[in-house]
Structures are given as C-alpha cells and as structure tokens.
C-alpha cells in the first residue's frame, strides 16, 4: 500500500503542477483575505479577533482545497483508480496531500496576518503544533466529506451541509488551543484541547478508513 500511496501522491502533485492557476489562485485567495482584513481593521487587531479571523480564513481555504479533492476526478479516472489501487490508498494519499496544502497555506496565512495586522502569538511553539494538528484534522474531515459529496449530484451544496456540523467541534477545539498559544498560557493548560483535537482527528480518520472502501465501490 505504501507504493500505491507514494504513486498517488506523485499523481496529485503532477496534476497540481499542470494546473498552476488552481493552486496559485488558492494562495492569492489567502493574500486577499489577509489584506482586506488589514483594511477593514485600520488599527491593530486584539488577540481574540486576530485568532478568530486567522482560522476563519483557514476554514475557507480548507473547504476550497477539499472541494477539488475528489470532485476534480473525471469518471475515467475513477474507473482507472478503481481497477489499479486499493480504495484506502486513495483516501490516505488525498488526506496527506490536503494536509500539505493546508500546512503551506497556514504558514502563508500566518506570515501575511503578521505582516498586515501584526503578530499577537506569544507561544510560537504551541501555535505551530496547533497548525499541524488543526490542518491534519481539517484534512481528514473534509477529505471524507468531499468523497461523499462527489457521489451526489449537487456536490457543492451537499459538502457545505455535511461539513458544517462536523467542523463545529473541531473548529472550536482548534480556536481554544490557538487562543492559549496567543495568550502565552502554560502548556499544561492546553493538554485537554490537544488530546481532544487528536481524538477527533483519530476518530474521523479511523472511521473514514473503515467506511471509505464501501463508499468507493458503490
């Protein structure tokens, strides 16, 4: 399965490279949102607002990236992959690739938010851990939702409906953990949020891993 995952990751990268406008458009989207925020709030943002806006941008980027995950595959590609690789290899490769995209966009988002609005993060180490765990959780959740939505006719609408209730507990946990990093609280104050975020990601990942083969063969 490892060889299949690596081959599929290579395919994802090759496809992305051929469609540079898609990825560059995503990064430009982050730039525009960060810049517009600086114009809307002419004075420095307070830490709470800065943190909230940062993750609002990240959720929209994650939804945008996830919408291109399975929905960008043609019927011919579906049939080819169906015959050549194990379904879980497809799921894992798309989750990993989405995780990489979200990490890159979160780094750019943090740089631009700090440039335009000033940095309010006091514990950069904890904030980086939050970015990693949050990106992984968002990728795991939205990859599965994208797979389910791709089987329906009204894909975008269904993805929004399915994603909203699932993302709420995940996003609330991410916001609490990143707020602790922004405030510079001791790490022992963040262990519960860390464990909750890890648990939500694991539950989603394991559920997706078990159910995706049935969804794929449908």
N, C-alpha and C. Protein backbone atom coordinates (compact mmCIF):
# COMPACT_ATOMS: atom_id res chain seq x y z
N UNK A 1 0.83 -1.21 0.00
CA UNK A 1 0.00 0.00 0.00
C UNK A 1 0.86 1.26 0.00
N UNK A 2 2.05 1.18 0.60
CA UNK A 2 2.92 2.35 0.65
C UNK A 2 3.31 2.82 -0.74
N UNK A 3 3.61 1.87 -1.64
CA UNK A 3 3.97 2.23 -3.01
C UNK A 3 2.79 2.88 -3.73
N UNK A 4 1.59 2.37 -3.47
CA UNK A 4 0.41 2.96 -4.08
C UNK A 4 0.20 4.39 -3.60
N UNK A 5 0.38 4.61 -2.30
CA UNK A 5 0.20 5.95 -1.73
C UNK A 5 1.21 6.92 -2.32
N UNK A 6 2.47 6.49 -2.42
CA UNK A 6 3.51 7.36 -2.98
C UNK A 6 3.22 7.67 -4.45
N UNK A 7 2.76 6.66 -5.19
CA UNK A 7 2.43 6.88 -6.60
C UNK A 7 1.25 7.85 -6.74
N UNK A 8 0.26 7.71 -5.88
CA UNK A 8 -0.90 8.60 -5.94
C UNK A 8 -0.54 10.03 -5.52
N UNK A 9 0.37 10.15 -4.55
CA UNK A 9 0.84 11.48 -4.17
C UNK A 9 1.58 12.14 -5.33
N UNK A 10 2.36 11.32 -6.06
CA UNK A 10 3.02 11.83 -7.25
C UNK A 10 2.03 12.30 -8.30
N UNK A 11 0.93 11.54 -8.44
CA UNK A 11 -0.11 11.94 -9.40
C UNK A 11 -0.76 13.25 -8.99
N UNK A 12 -1.03 13.39 -7.68
CA UNK A 12 -1.64 14.62 -7.20
C UNK A 12 -0.74 15.81 -7.47
N UNK A 13 0.55 15.64 -7.21
CA UNK A 13 1.50 16.73 -7.43
C UNK A 13 1.60 17.07 -8.91
N UNK A 14 1.65 16.05 -9.76
CA UNK A 14 1.73 16.29 -11.21
C UNK A 14 0.50 17.03 -11.72
N UNK A 15 -0.67 16.61 -11.25
CA UNK A 15 -1.91 17.27 -11.64
C UNK A 15 -1.92 18.72 -11.18
N UNK A 16 -1.48 18.95 -9.96
CA UNK A 16 -1.44 20.31 -9.42
C UNK A 16 -0.46 21.18 -10.20
N UNK A 17 0.66 20.60 -10.59
CA UNK A 17 1.67 21.34 -11.32
C UNK A 17 1.17 21.73 -12.72
N UNK A 18 0.35 20.86 -13.31
CA UNK A 18 -0.20 21.17 -14.64
C UNK A 18 -1.28 22.24 -14.55
N UNK A 19 -1.89 22.34 -13.39
CA UNK A 19 -2.95 23.33 -13.20
C UNK A 19 -2.50 24.37 -12.17
N UNK A 20 -1.43 25.06 -12.50
CA UNK A 20 -0.85 26.02 -11.55
C UNK A 20 -1.83 27.11 -11.14
N UNK A 21 -2.73 27.45 -12.07
CA UNK A 21 -3.68 28.51 -11.77
C UNK A 21 -4.56 28.17 -10.57
N UNK A 22 -4.82 26.88 -10.36
CA UNK A 22 -5.68 26.45 -9.26
C UNK A 22 -5.00 26.68 -7.92
N UNK A 23 -3.75 26.25 -7.81
CA UNK A 23 -3.01 26.40 -6.56
C UNK A 23 -2.64 27.86 -6.31
N UNK A 24 -2.18 28.55 -7.34
CA UNK A 24 -1.83 29.97 -7.18
C UNK A 24 -3.06 30.79 -6.83
N UNK A 25 -4.22 30.38 -7.37
CA UNK A 25 -5.46 31.06 -7.01
C UNK A 25 -5.79 30.89 -5.54
N UNK A 26 -5.49 29.71 -5.00
CA UNK A 26 -5.74 29.45 -3.58
C UNK A 26 -4.85 30.34 -2.71
N UNK A 27 -3.57 30.46 -3.09
CA UNK A 27 -2.65 31.31 -2.33
C UNK A 27 -3.03 32.78 -2.46
N UNK A 28 -3.47 33.18 -3.64
CA UNK A 28 -3.91 34.56 -3.84
C UNK A 28 -5.15 34.86 -3.01
N UNK A 29 -5.98 33.85 -2.85
CA UNK A 29 -7.18 33.96 -2.01
C UNK A 29 -6.78 34.28 -0.57
N UNK A 30 -5.76 33.59 -0.06
CA UNK A 30 -5.26 33.85 1.29
C UNK A 30 -4.74 35.27 1.39
N UNK A 31 -3.98 35.69 0.39
CA UNK A 31 -3.42 37.05 0.38
C UNK A 31 -4.53 38.10 0.41
N UNK A 32 -5.54 37.91 -0.41
CA UNK A 32 -6.62 38.89 -0.48
C UNK A 32 -7.37 39.00 0.83
N UNK A 33 -7.68 37.86 1.45
CA UNK A 33 -8.41 37.88 2.71
C UNK A 33 -7.60 38.56 3.81
N UNK A 34 -6.31 38.27 3.87
CA UNK A 34 -5.46 38.90 4.89
C UNK A 34 -5.35 40.40 4.66
N UNK A 35 -5.21 40.79 3.40
CA UNK A 35 -5.06 42.21 3.08
C UNK A 35 -6.35 42.98 3.34
N UNK A 36 -7.48 42.39 2.95
CA UNK A 36 -8.77 43.04 3.19
C UNK A 36 -9.02 43.20 4.68
N UNK A 37 -8.58 42.22 5.46
CA UNK A 37 -8.72 42.31 6.92
C UNK A 37 -7.97 43.51 7.47
N UNK A 38 -6.77 43.74 6.95
CA UNK A 38 -5.97 44.88 7.41
C UNK A 38 -6.63 46.21 7.03
N UNK A 39 -7.35 46.22 5.92
CA UNK A 39 -8.05 47.44 5.51
C UNK A 39 -9.31 47.65 6.34
N UNK A 40 -9.99 46.55 6.66
CA UNK A 40 -11.22 46.65 7.44
C UNK A 40 -10.95 47.09 8.87
N UNK A 41 -9.87 46.57 9.44
CA UNK A 41 -9.47 46.92 10.81
C UNK A 41 -8.23 47.80 10.71
N UNK A 42 -8.43 49.10 10.65
CA UNK A 42 -7.32 50.01 10.41
C UNK A 42 -6.35 50.04 11.58
N UNK A 43 -6.81 49.72 12.75
CA UNK A 43 -5.94 49.64 13.91
C UNK A 43 -5.57 48.17 14.16
N UNK A 44 -4.60 47.95 15.02
CA UNK A 44 -4.16 46.58 15.32
C UNK A 44 -5.30 45.77 15.91
N UNK A 45 -5.39 44.52 15.50
CA UNK A 45 -6.44 43.64 16.00
C UNK A 45 -6.11 43.19 17.41
N UNK A 46 -7.14 43.03 18.23
CA UNK A 46 -6.92 42.43 19.54
C UNK A 46 -6.68 40.93 19.34
N UNK A 47 -6.01 40.27 20.29
CA UNK A 47 -5.65 38.86 20.11
C UNK A 47 -6.82 37.95 19.78
N UNK A 48 -7.96 38.16 20.43
CA UNK A 48 -9.11 37.28 20.19
C UNK A 48 -9.59 37.39 18.74
N UNK A 49 -9.72 38.63 18.25
CA UNK A 49 -10.18 38.84 16.87
C UNK A 49 -9.16 38.33 15.87
N UNK A 50 -7.88 38.57 16.13
CA UNK A 50 -6.80 38.09 15.24
C UNK A 50 -6.88 36.58 15.10
N UNK A 51 -7.02 35.89 16.21
CA UNK A 51 -7.07 34.42 16.19
C UNK A 51 -8.31 33.92 15.46
N UNK A 52 -9.45 34.56 15.70
CA UNK A 52 -10.70 34.15 15.05
C UNK A 52 -10.62 34.34 13.53
N UNK A 53 -10.11 35.49 13.09
CA UNK A 53 -10.01 35.76 11.66
C UNK A 53 -9.03 34.80 11.00
N UNK A 54 -7.93 34.51 11.67
CA UNK A 54 -6.94 33.58 11.12
C UNK A 54 -7.57 32.24 10.79
N UNK A 55 -8.36 31.69 11.71
CA UNK A 55 -8.93 30.36 11.49
C UNK A 55 -10.16 30.40 10.60
N UNK A 56 -10.84 31.54 10.52
CA UNK A 56 -11.91 31.67 9.53
C UNK A 56 -11.33 31.57 8.13
N UNK A 57 -10.21 32.26 7.92
CA UNK A 57 -9.53 32.17 6.62
C UNK A 57 -9.11 30.74 6.33
N UNK A 58 -8.56 30.06 7.34
CA UNK A 58 -8.09 28.69 7.13
C UNK A 58 -9.23 27.73 6.80
N UNK A 59 -10.38 27.91 7.42
CA UNK A 59 -11.51 27.03 7.13
C UNK A 59 -11.97 27.22 5.69
N UNK A 60 -12.04 28.47 5.23
CA UNK A 60 -12.44 28.72 3.85
C UNK A 60 -11.42 28.15 2.87
N UNK A 61 -10.14 28.26 3.20
CA UNK A 61 -9.10 27.67 2.35
C UNK A 61 -9.24 26.15 2.33
N UNK A 62 -9.49 25.56 3.50
CA UNK A 62 -9.65 24.11 3.59
C UNK A 62 -10.84 23.63 2.77
N UNK A 63 -11.96 24.34 2.84
CA UNK A 63 -13.14 23.98 2.05
C UNK A 63 -12.86 24.10 0.56
N UNK A 64 -12.14 25.14 0.19
CA UNK A 64 -11.78 25.35 -1.21
C UNK A 64 -10.89 24.23 -1.71
N UNK A 65 -9.89 23.87 -0.90
CA UNK A 65 -8.96 22.81 -1.30
C UNK A 65 -9.66 21.45 -1.34
N UNK A 66 -10.53 21.19 -0.36
CA UNK A 66 -11.22 19.89 -0.31
C UNK A 66 -12.20 19.73 -1.45
N UNK A 67 -12.78 20.84 -1.90
CA UNK A 67 -13.75 20.75 -2.99
C UNK A 67 -13.10 20.27 -4.28
N UNK A 68 -11.76 20.43 -4.38
CA UNK A 68 -11.06 19.98 -5.58
C UNK A 68 -10.49 18.57 -5.41
N UNK A 69 -10.68 17.97 -4.24
CA UNK A 69 -10.06 16.69 -3.96
C UNK A 69 -10.64 15.57 -4.82
N UNK A 70 -11.84 15.11 -4.50
CA UNK A 70 -12.48 14.06 -5.27
C UNK A 70 -13.31 14.61 -6.43
N UNK A 71 -13.78 15.85 -6.27
CA UNK A 71 -14.64 16.42 -7.29
C UNK A 71 -13.87 16.75 -8.57
N UNK A 72 -12.55 16.81 -8.46
CA UNK A 72 -11.75 17.11 -9.64
C UNK A 72 -11.44 15.88 -10.48
N UNK A 73 -11.83 14.71 -10.01
CA UNK A 73 -11.57 13.48 -10.75
C UNK A 73 -12.68 13.23 -11.78
N UNK A 74 -12.27 12.87 -12.98
CA UNK A 74 -13.25 12.53 -14.02
C UNK A 74 -13.72 11.08 -13.82
N UNK A 75 -14.78 10.72 -14.51
CA UNK A 75 -15.30 9.34 -14.40
C UNK A 75 -14.27 8.34 -14.87
N UNK A 76 -13.52 8.68 -15.93
CA UNK A 76 -12.49 7.78 -16.42
C UNK A 76 -11.39 7.56 -15.39
N UNK A 77 -11.01 8.61 -14.68
CA UNK A 77 -10.00 8.47 -13.63
C UNK A 77 -10.52 7.61 -12.49
N UNK A 78 -11.79 7.78 -12.13
CA UNK A 78 -12.39 6.94 -11.10
C UNK A 78 -12.28 5.46 -11.49
N UNK A 79 -12.65 5.15 -12.71
CA UNK A 79 -12.65 3.75 -13.15
C UNK A 79 -11.24 3.18 -13.20
N UNK A 80 -10.28 4.00 -13.60
CA UNK A 80 -8.89 3.54 -13.65
C UNK A 80 -8.36 3.25 -12.25
N UNK A 81 -8.59 4.19 -11.35
CA UNK A 81 -8.13 4.01 -9.97
C UNK A 81 -8.84 2.83 -9.31
N UNK A 82 -10.10 2.65 -9.64
CA UNK A 82 -10.89 1.55 -9.08
C UNK A 82 -10.24 0.21 -9.39
N UNK A 83 -9.67 0.09 -10.59
CA UNK A 83 -9.09 -1.18 -11.03
C UNK A 83 -7.64 -1.37 -10.55
N UNK A 84 -6.94 -0.27 -10.30
CA UNK A 84 -5.49 -0.38 -10.08
C UNK A 84 -5.06 -0.36 -8.61
N UNK A 85 -5.76 0.38 -7.77
CA UNK A 85 -5.27 0.59 -6.40
C UNK A 85 -6.35 0.27 -5.38
N UNK A 86 -5.90 0.09 -4.14
CA UNK A 86 -6.82 -0.14 -3.04
C UNK A 86 -7.51 1.18 -2.67
N UNK A 87 -8.79 1.14 -2.34
CA UNK A 87 -9.50 2.39 -2.02
C UNK A 87 -8.84 3.20 -0.90
N UNK A 88 -8.34 2.53 0.13
CA UNK A 88 -7.75 3.26 1.24
C UNK A 88 -6.46 3.97 0.85
N UNK A 89 -5.78 3.48 -0.17
CA UNK A 89 -4.59 4.19 -0.67
C UNK A 89 -4.99 5.54 -1.23
N UNK A 90 -6.12 5.58 -1.89
CA UNK A 90 -6.63 6.84 -2.44
C UNK A 90 -6.99 7.80 -1.32
N UNK A 91 -7.69 7.29 -0.31
CA UNK A 91 -8.09 8.13 0.81
C UNK A 91 -6.88 8.70 1.54
N UNK A 92 -5.91 7.85 1.85
CA UNK A 92 -4.73 8.30 2.60
C UNK A 92 -3.92 9.30 1.79
N UNK A 93 -3.75 9.05 0.49
CA UNK A 93 -2.96 9.95 -0.33
C UNK A 93 -3.62 11.33 -0.43
N UNK A 94 -4.93 11.37 -0.59
CA UNK A 94 -5.62 12.65 -0.69
C UNK A 94 -5.62 13.38 0.65
N UNK A 95 -5.70 12.63 1.74
CA UNK A 95 -5.64 13.26 3.06
C UNK A 95 -4.26 13.86 3.30
N UNK A 96 -3.21 13.12 2.96
CA UNK A 96 -1.84 13.62 3.13
C UNK A 96 -1.60 14.84 2.26
N UNK A 97 -2.05 14.77 1.01
CA UNK A 97 -1.86 15.89 0.11
C UNK A 97 -2.62 17.13 0.58
N UNK A 98 -3.86 16.93 1.03
CA UNK A 98 -4.63 18.05 1.58
C UNK A 98 -3.97 18.63 2.81
N UNK A 99 -3.39 17.76 3.64
CA UNK A 99 -2.67 18.21 4.83
C UNK A 99 -1.49 19.10 4.44
N UNK A 100 -0.76 18.70 3.40
CA UNK A 100 0.36 19.51 2.94
C UNK A 100 -0.08 20.87 2.42
N UNK A 101 -1.17 20.88 1.67
CA UNK A 101 -1.71 22.15 1.15
C UNK A 101 -2.12 23.07 2.29
N UNK A 102 -2.77 22.51 3.30
CA UNK A 102 -3.23 23.32 4.42
C UNK A 102 -2.06 23.83 5.26
N UNK A 103 -1.02 23.03 5.42
CA UNK A 103 0.16 23.49 6.14
C UNK A 103 0.82 24.66 5.42
N UNK A 104 0.94 24.54 4.12
CA UNK A 104 1.55 25.61 3.33
C UNK A 104 0.70 26.88 3.40
N UNK A 105 -0.59 26.73 3.24
CA UNK A 105 -1.47 27.90 3.28
C UNK A 105 -1.51 28.53 4.67
N UNK A 106 -1.43 27.70 5.73
CA UNK A 106 -1.44 28.25 7.08
C UNK A 106 -0.17 29.03 7.37
N UNK A 107 0.97 28.54 6.85
CA UNK A 107 2.21 29.28 7.00
C UNK A 107 2.14 30.63 6.30
N UNK A 108 1.60 30.64 5.08
CA UNK A 108 1.44 31.89 4.34
C UNK A 108 0.44 32.80 5.05
N UNK A 109 -0.63 32.22 5.53
CA UNK A 109 -1.65 32.98 6.25
C UNK A 109 -1.07 33.65 7.49
N UNK A 110 -0.27 32.91 8.25
CA UNK A 110 0.35 33.46 9.45
C UNK A 110 1.30 34.60 9.10
N UNK A 111 2.10 34.40 8.04
CA UNK A 111 3.04 35.44 7.62
C UNK A 111 2.31 36.71 7.22
N UNK A 112 1.25 36.57 6.42
CA UNK A 112 0.52 37.73 5.93
C UNK A 112 -0.27 38.42 7.05
N UNK A 113 -0.88 37.63 7.92
CA UNK A 113 -1.60 38.23 9.05
C UNK A 113 -0.65 38.99 9.96
N UNK A 114 0.55 38.44 10.16
CA UNK A 114 1.54 39.12 10.99
C UNK A 114 2.06 40.37 10.30
N UNK A 115 2.20 40.30 8.97
CA UNK A 115 2.71 41.45 8.20
C UNK A 115 1.71 42.59 8.17
N UNK A 116 0.45 42.26 7.90
CA UNK A 116 -0.57 43.30 7.73
C UNK A 116 -1.19 43.76 9.05
N UNK A 117 -1.30 42.83 10.01
CA UNK A 117 -2.03 43.14 11.24
C UNK A 117 -1.18 43.01 12.50
N UNK A 118 0.07 42.61 12.33
CA UNK A 118 0.93 42.42 13.50
C UNK A 118 0.74 41.04 14.11
N UNK A 119 1.80 40.50 14.68
CA UNK A 119 1.72 39.17 15.30
C UNK A 119 1.34 39.30 16.77
N UNK A 120 0.38 38.51 17.19
CA UNK A 120 -0.06 38.54 18.59
C UNK A 120 0.27 37.23 19.30
N UNK A 121 0.92 36.31 18.60
CA UNK A 121 1.21 34.99 19.17
C UNK A 121 2.38 35.08 20.13
N UNK A 122 2.15 34.67 21.37
CA UNK A 122 3.21 34.70 22.38
C UNK A 122 3.95 33.37 22.50
N UNK A 123 3.27 32.27 22.25
CA UNK A 123 3.90 30.95 22.30
C UNK A 123 3.89 30.37 20.89
N UNK A 124 4.97 30.62 20.14
CA UNK A 124 5.02 30.22 18.75
C UNK A 124 5.07 28.69 18.61
N UNK A 125 5.72 28.01 19.55
CA UNK A 125 5.80 26.55 19.50
C UNK A 125 4.43 25.90 19.61
N UNK A 126 3.64 26.35 20.56
CA UNK A 126 2.29 25.80 20.73
C UNK A 126 1.42 26.15 19.54
N UNK A 127 1.62 27.34 18.98
CA UNK A 127 0.83 27.73 17.82
C UNK A 127 1.16 26.85 16.61
N UNK A 128 2.44 26.50 16.45
CA UNK A 128 2.85 25.61 15.35
C UNK A 128 2.22 24.23 15.51
N UNK A 129 2.21 23.72 16.74
CA UNK A 129 1.57 22.43 17.00
C UNK A 129 0.08 22.50 16.67
N UNK A 130 -0.55 23.62 17.01
CA UNK A 130 -1.96 23.80 16.68
C UNK A 130 -2.17 23.81 15.18
N UNK A 131 -1.28 24.47 14.45
CA UNK A 131 -1.38 24.49 12.99
C UNK A 131 -1.29 23.07 12.41
N UNK A 132 -0.35 22.29 12.94
CA UNK A 132 -0.15 20.93 12.43
C UNK A 132 -1.37 20.05 12.73
N UNK A 133 -1.79 20.05 14.00
CA UNK A 133 -2.93 19.22 14.39
C UNK A 133 -4.22 19.71 13.73
N UNK A 134 -4.39 21.04 13.66
CA UNK A 134 -5.59 21.58 13.04
C UNK A 134 -5.66 21.28 11.55
N UNK A 135 -4.53 21.41 10.86
CA UNK A 135 -4.50 21.12 9.43
C UNK A 135 -4.79 19.65 9.16
N UNK A 136 -4.23 18.78 10.00
CA UNK A 136 -4.46 17.35 9.84
C UNK A 136 -5.93 17.01 10.10
N UNK A 137 -6.51 17.59 11.14
CA UNK A 137 -7.91 17.34 11.44
C UNK A 137 -8.83 17.83 10.34
N UNK A 138 -8.59 19.05 9.85
CA UNK A 138 -9.41 19.59 8.77
C UNK A 138 -9.28 18.76 7.50
N UNK A 139 -8.07 18.31 7.21
CA UNK A 139 -7.86 17.50 6.01
C UNK A 139 -8.59 16.16 6.12
N UNK A 140 -8.51 15.52 7.29
CA UNK A 140 -9.17 14.23 7.48
C UNK A 140 -10.68 14.35 7.34
N UNK A 141 -11.25 15.37 7.95
CA UNK A 141 -12.71 15.55 7.91
C UNK A 141 -13.19 15.91 6.52
N UNK A 142 -12.55 16.88 5.90
CA UNK A 142 -13.04 17.39 4.62
C UNK A 142 -12.74 16.45 3.46
N UNK A 143 -11.70 15.63 3.58
CA UNK A 143 -11.45 14.64 2.52
C UNK A 143 -12.58 13.63 2.45
N UNK A 144 -13.04 13.16 3.60
CA UNK A 144 -14.16 12.22 3.62
C UNK A 144 -15.44 12.88 3.11
N UNK A 145 -15.68 14.12 3.54
CA UNK A 145 -16.89 14.82 3.10
C UNK A 145 -16.85 15.04 1.59
N UNK A 146 -15.67 15.37 1.07
CA UNK A 146 -15.52 15.55 -0.37
C UNK A 146 -15.81 14.25 -1.12
N UNK A 147 -15.36 13.12 -0.54
CA UNK A 147 -15.62 11.82 -1.18
C UNK A 147 -17.11 11.52 -1.21
N UNK A 148 -17.81 11.80 -0.11
CA UNK A 148 -19.26 11.56 -0.06
C UNK A 148 -19.99 12.48 -1.04
N UNK A 149 -19.58 13.75 -1.05
CA UNK A 149 -20.25 14.72 -1.91
C UNK A 149 -20.03 14.43 -3.39
N UNK A 150 -18.88 13.85 -3.72
CA UNK A 150 -18.58 13.58 -5.12
C UNK A 150 -19.52 12.54 -5.72
N UNK A 151 -20.17 11.74 -4.86
CA UNK A 151 -21.10 10.73 -5.34
C UNK A 151 -22.51 11.28 -5.54
N UNK A 152 -22.72 12.51 -5.13
CA UNK A 152 -24.05 13.11 -5.25
C UNK A 152 -24.08 14.09 -6.41
N UNK A 153 -25.27 14.46 -6.82
CA UNK A 153 -25.41 15.36 -7.95
C UNK A 153 -25.09 16.80 -7.58
N UNK A 154 -25.65 17.27 -6.48
CA UNK A 154 -25.43 18.66 -6.05
C UNK A 154 -24.25 18.69 -5.09
N UNK A 155 -23.05 18.64 -5.61
CA UNK A 155 -21.87 18.37 -4.81
C UNK A 155 -21.52 19.49 -3.84
N UNK A 156 -21.48 20.72 -4.33
CA UNK A 156 -21.06 21.84 -3.50
C UNK A 156 -22.02 22.06 -2.34
N UNK A 157 -23.32 22.02 -2.64
CA UNK A 157 -24.32 22.22 -1.60
C UNK A 157 -24.25 21.12 -0.54
N UNK A 158 -24.11 19.88 -0.98
CA UNK A 158 -24.05 18.76 -0.04
C UNK A 158 -22.80 18.85 0.83
N UNK A 159 -21.69 19.27 0.25
CA UNK A 159 -20.46 19.40 1.02
C UNK A 159 -20.60 20.45 2.12
N UNK A 160 -21.27 21.55 1.79
CA UNK A 160 -21.49 22.60 2.79
C UNK A 160 -22.40 22.09 3.91
N UNK A 161 -23.45 21.35 3.55
CA UNK A 161 -24.39 20.84 4.55
C UNK A 161 -23.72 19.82 5.46
N UNK A 162 -22.96 18.91 4.88
CA UNK A 162 -22.30 17.88 5.68
C UNK A 162 -21.14 18.45 6.50
N UNK A 163 -20.45 19.42 5.93
CA UNK A 163 -19.27 19.94 6.60
C UNK A 163 -19.56 20.80 7.80
N UNK A 164 -20.67 21.54 7.76
CA UNK A 164 -20.94 22.50 8.83
C UNK A 164 -21.03 21.85 10.22
N UNK A 165 -21.89 20.84 10.42
CA UNK A 165 -21.98 20.27 11.78
C UNK A 165 -20.74 19.49 12.20
N UNK A 166 -20.03 18.91 11.23
CA UNK A 166 -18.83 18.13 11.57
C UNK A 166 -17.68 19.03 11.97
N UNK A 167 -17.59 20.19 11.35
CA UNK A 167 -16.47 21.09 11.59
C UNK A 167 -16.60 21.88 12.89
N UNK A 168 -17.82 22.02 13.40
CA UNK A 168 -18.02 22.86 14.58
C UNK A 168 -17.19 22.39 15.79
N UNK A 169 -17.30 21.12 16.25
CA UNK A 169 -16.48 20.72 17.41
C UNK A 169 -14.99 20.79 17.13
N UNK A 170 -14.60 20.44 15.91
CA UNK A 170 -13.18 20.50 15.55
C UNK A 170 -12.68 21.94 15.59
N UNK A 171 -13.44 22.84 15.00
CA UNK A 171 -13.01 24.24 14.93
C UNK A 171 -13.01 24.91 16.30
N UNK A 172 -13.96 24.58 17.14
CA UNK A 172 -13.99 25.15 18.49
C UNK A 172 -12.76 24.73 19.29
N UNK A 173 -12.37 23.46 19.14
CA UNK A 173 -11.18 22.97 19.84
C UNK A 173 -9.91 23.65 19.32
N UNK A 174 -9.82 23.81 18.01
CA UNK A 174 -8.67 24.49 17.41
C UNK A 174 -8.58 25.93 17.90
N UNK A 175 -9.72 26.61 17.96
CA UNK A 175 -9.73 28.00 18.41
C UNK A 175 -9.28 28.13 19.86
N UNK A 176 -9.72 27.21 20.72
CA UNK A 176 -9.32 27.26 22.12
C UNK A 176 -7.82 27.02 22.27
N UNK A 177 -7.30 26.04 21.53
CA UNK A 177 -5.88 25.71 21.63
C UNK A 177 -5.01 26.84 21.10
N UNK A 178 -5.39 27.41 19.97
CA UNK A 178 -4.61 28.51 19.40
C UNK A 178 -4.72 29.77 20.26
N UNK A 179 -5.87 29.97 20.90
CA UNK A 179 -6.02 31.12 21.81
C UNK A 179 -5.07 31.00 22.99
N UNK A 180 -4.86 29.77 23.48
CA UNK A 180 -3.88 29.58 24.55
C UNK A 180 -2.49 29.95 24.08
N UNK A 181 -2.17 29.62 22.82
CA UNK A 181 -0.86 29.98 22.27
C UNK A 181 -0.74 31.49 22.11
N UNK A 182 -1.82 32.13 21.67
CA UNK A 182 -1.82 33.58 21.51
C UNK A 182 -1.62 34.27 22.87
N UNK A 183 -2.26 33.74 23.90
CA UNK A 183 -2.16 34.34 25.24
C UNK A 183 -0.89 33.94 25.98
N UNK A 184 -0.16 32.94 25.45
CA UNK A 184 1.07 32.51 26.11
C UNK A 184 0.84 31.75 27.39
N UNK A 185 -0.26 31.00 27.48
CA UNK A 185 -0.55 30.24 28.69
C UNK A 185 0.39 29.04 28.81
N UNK A 186 0.61 28.54 30.02
CA UNK A 186 1.44 27.33 30.18
C UNK A 186 0.85 26.15 29.42
N UNK A 187 1.75 25.25 29.00
CA UNK A 187 1.32 24.13 28.17
C UNK A 187 0.34 23.21 28.89
N UNK A 188 0.46 23.12 30.22
CA UNK A 188 -0.43 22.21 30.93
C UNK A 188 -1.89 22.68 30.87
N UNK A 189 -2.10 23.94 30.50
CA UNK A 189 -3.46 24.44 30.33
C UNK A 189 -4.05 24.02 28.99
N UNK A 190 -3.19 23.47 28.11
CA UNK A 190 -3.63 23.14 26.74
C UNK A 190 -3.69 21.65 26.48
N UNK A 191 -3.31 20.83 27.45
CA UNK A 191 -3.27 19.38 27.22
C UNK A 191 -4.65 18.81 26.88
N UNK A 192 -5.68 19.31 27.54
CA UNK A 192 -7.03 18.79 27.28
C UNK A 192 -7.45 19.08 25.84
N UNK A 193 -7.20 20.32 25.37
CA UNK A 193 -7.55 20.67 23.99
C UNK A 193 -6.73 19.86 23.00
N UNK A 194 -5.45 19.64 23.31
CA UNK A 194 -4.60 18.83 22.44
C UNK A 194 -5.14 17.42 22.30
N UNK A 195 -5.47 16.81 23.43
CA UNK A 195 -5.98 15.44 23.42
C UNK A 195 -7.33 15.37 22.70
N UNK A 196 -8.17 16.37 22.91
CA UNK A 196 -9.47 16.40 22.23
C UNK A 196 -9.28 16.51 20.73
N UNK A 197 -8.36 17.37 20.30
CA UNK A 197 -8.12 17.55 18.87
C UNK A 197 -7.54 16.29 18.24
N UNK A 198 -6.62 15.65 18.95
CA UNK A 198 -6.04 14.38 18.47
C UNK A 198 -7.12 13.31 18.39
N UNK A 199 -7.98 13.25 19.42
CA UNK A 199 -9.04 12.24 19.44
C UNK A 199 -10.03 12.44 18.30
N UNK A 200 -10.42 13.69 18.06
CA UNK A 200 -11.36 13.96 16.96
C UNK A 200 -10.74 13.57 15.61
N UNK A 201 -9.45 13.87 15.44
CA UNK A 201 -8.78 13.53 14.19
C UNK A 201 -8.68 12.02 14.03
N UNK A 202 -8.34 11.31 15.10
CA UNK A 202 -8.22 9.85 15.03
C UNK A 202 -9.57 9.20 14.76
N UNK A 203 -10.60 9.67 15.44
CA UNK A 203 -11.93 9.10 15.23
C UNK A 203 -12.37 9.28 13.78
N UNK A 204 -12.16 10.48 13.27
CA UNK A 204 -12.53 10.76 11.87
C UNK A 204 -11.70 9.91 10.91
N UNK A 205 -10.38 9.85 11.17
CA UNK A 205 -9.50 9.09 10.29
C UNK A 205 -9.81 7.60 10.27
N UNK A 206 -10.03 7.02 11.45
CA UNK A 206 -10.33 5.59 11.53
C UNK A 206 -11.68 5.28 10.89
N UNK A 207 -12.67 6.14 11.17
CA UNK A 207 -13.99 5.95 10.56
C UNK A 207 -13.91 6.02 9.04
N UNK A 208 -13.17 7.00 8.55
CA UNK A 208 -13.01 7.14 7.10
C UNK A 208 -12.32 5.92 6.51
N UNK A 209 -11.29 5.44 7.20
CA UNK A 209 -10.52 4.29 6.71
C UNK A 209 -11.38 3.04 6.62
N UNK A 210 -12.29 2.88 7.57
CA UNK A 210 -13.14 1.69 7.59
C UNK A 210 -14.29 1.78 6.59
N UNK A 211 -14.84 2.98 6.41
CA UNK A 211 -16.04 3.13 5.59
C UNK A 211 -15.76 3.47 4.13
N UNK A 212 -14.60 4.06 3.87
CA UNK A 212 -14.33 4.53 2.51
C UNK A 212 -14.35 3.42 1.46
N UNK A 213 -13.82 2.21 1.73
CA UNK A 213 -13.89 1.16 0.69
C UNK A 213 -15.31 0.86 0.22
N UNK A 214 -16.28 0.89 1.15
CA UNK A 214 -17.68 0.64 0.77
C UNK A 214 -18.22 1.80 -0.07
N UNK A 215 -17.84 3.03 0.30
CA UNK A 215 -18.26 4.19 -0.46
C UNK A 215 -17.66 4.17 -1.86
N UNK A 216 -16.40 3.78 -1.95
CA UNK A 216 -15.70 3.79 -3.22
C UNK A 216 -16.25 2.75 -4.20
N UNK A 217 -16.67 1.61 -3.67
CA UNK A 217 -17.19 0.54 -4.53
C UNK A 217 -18.65 0.71 -4.90
N UNK A 218 -19.30 1.70 -4.27
CA UNK A 218 -20.72 1.91 -4.54
C UNK A 218 -20.96 2.38 -5.99
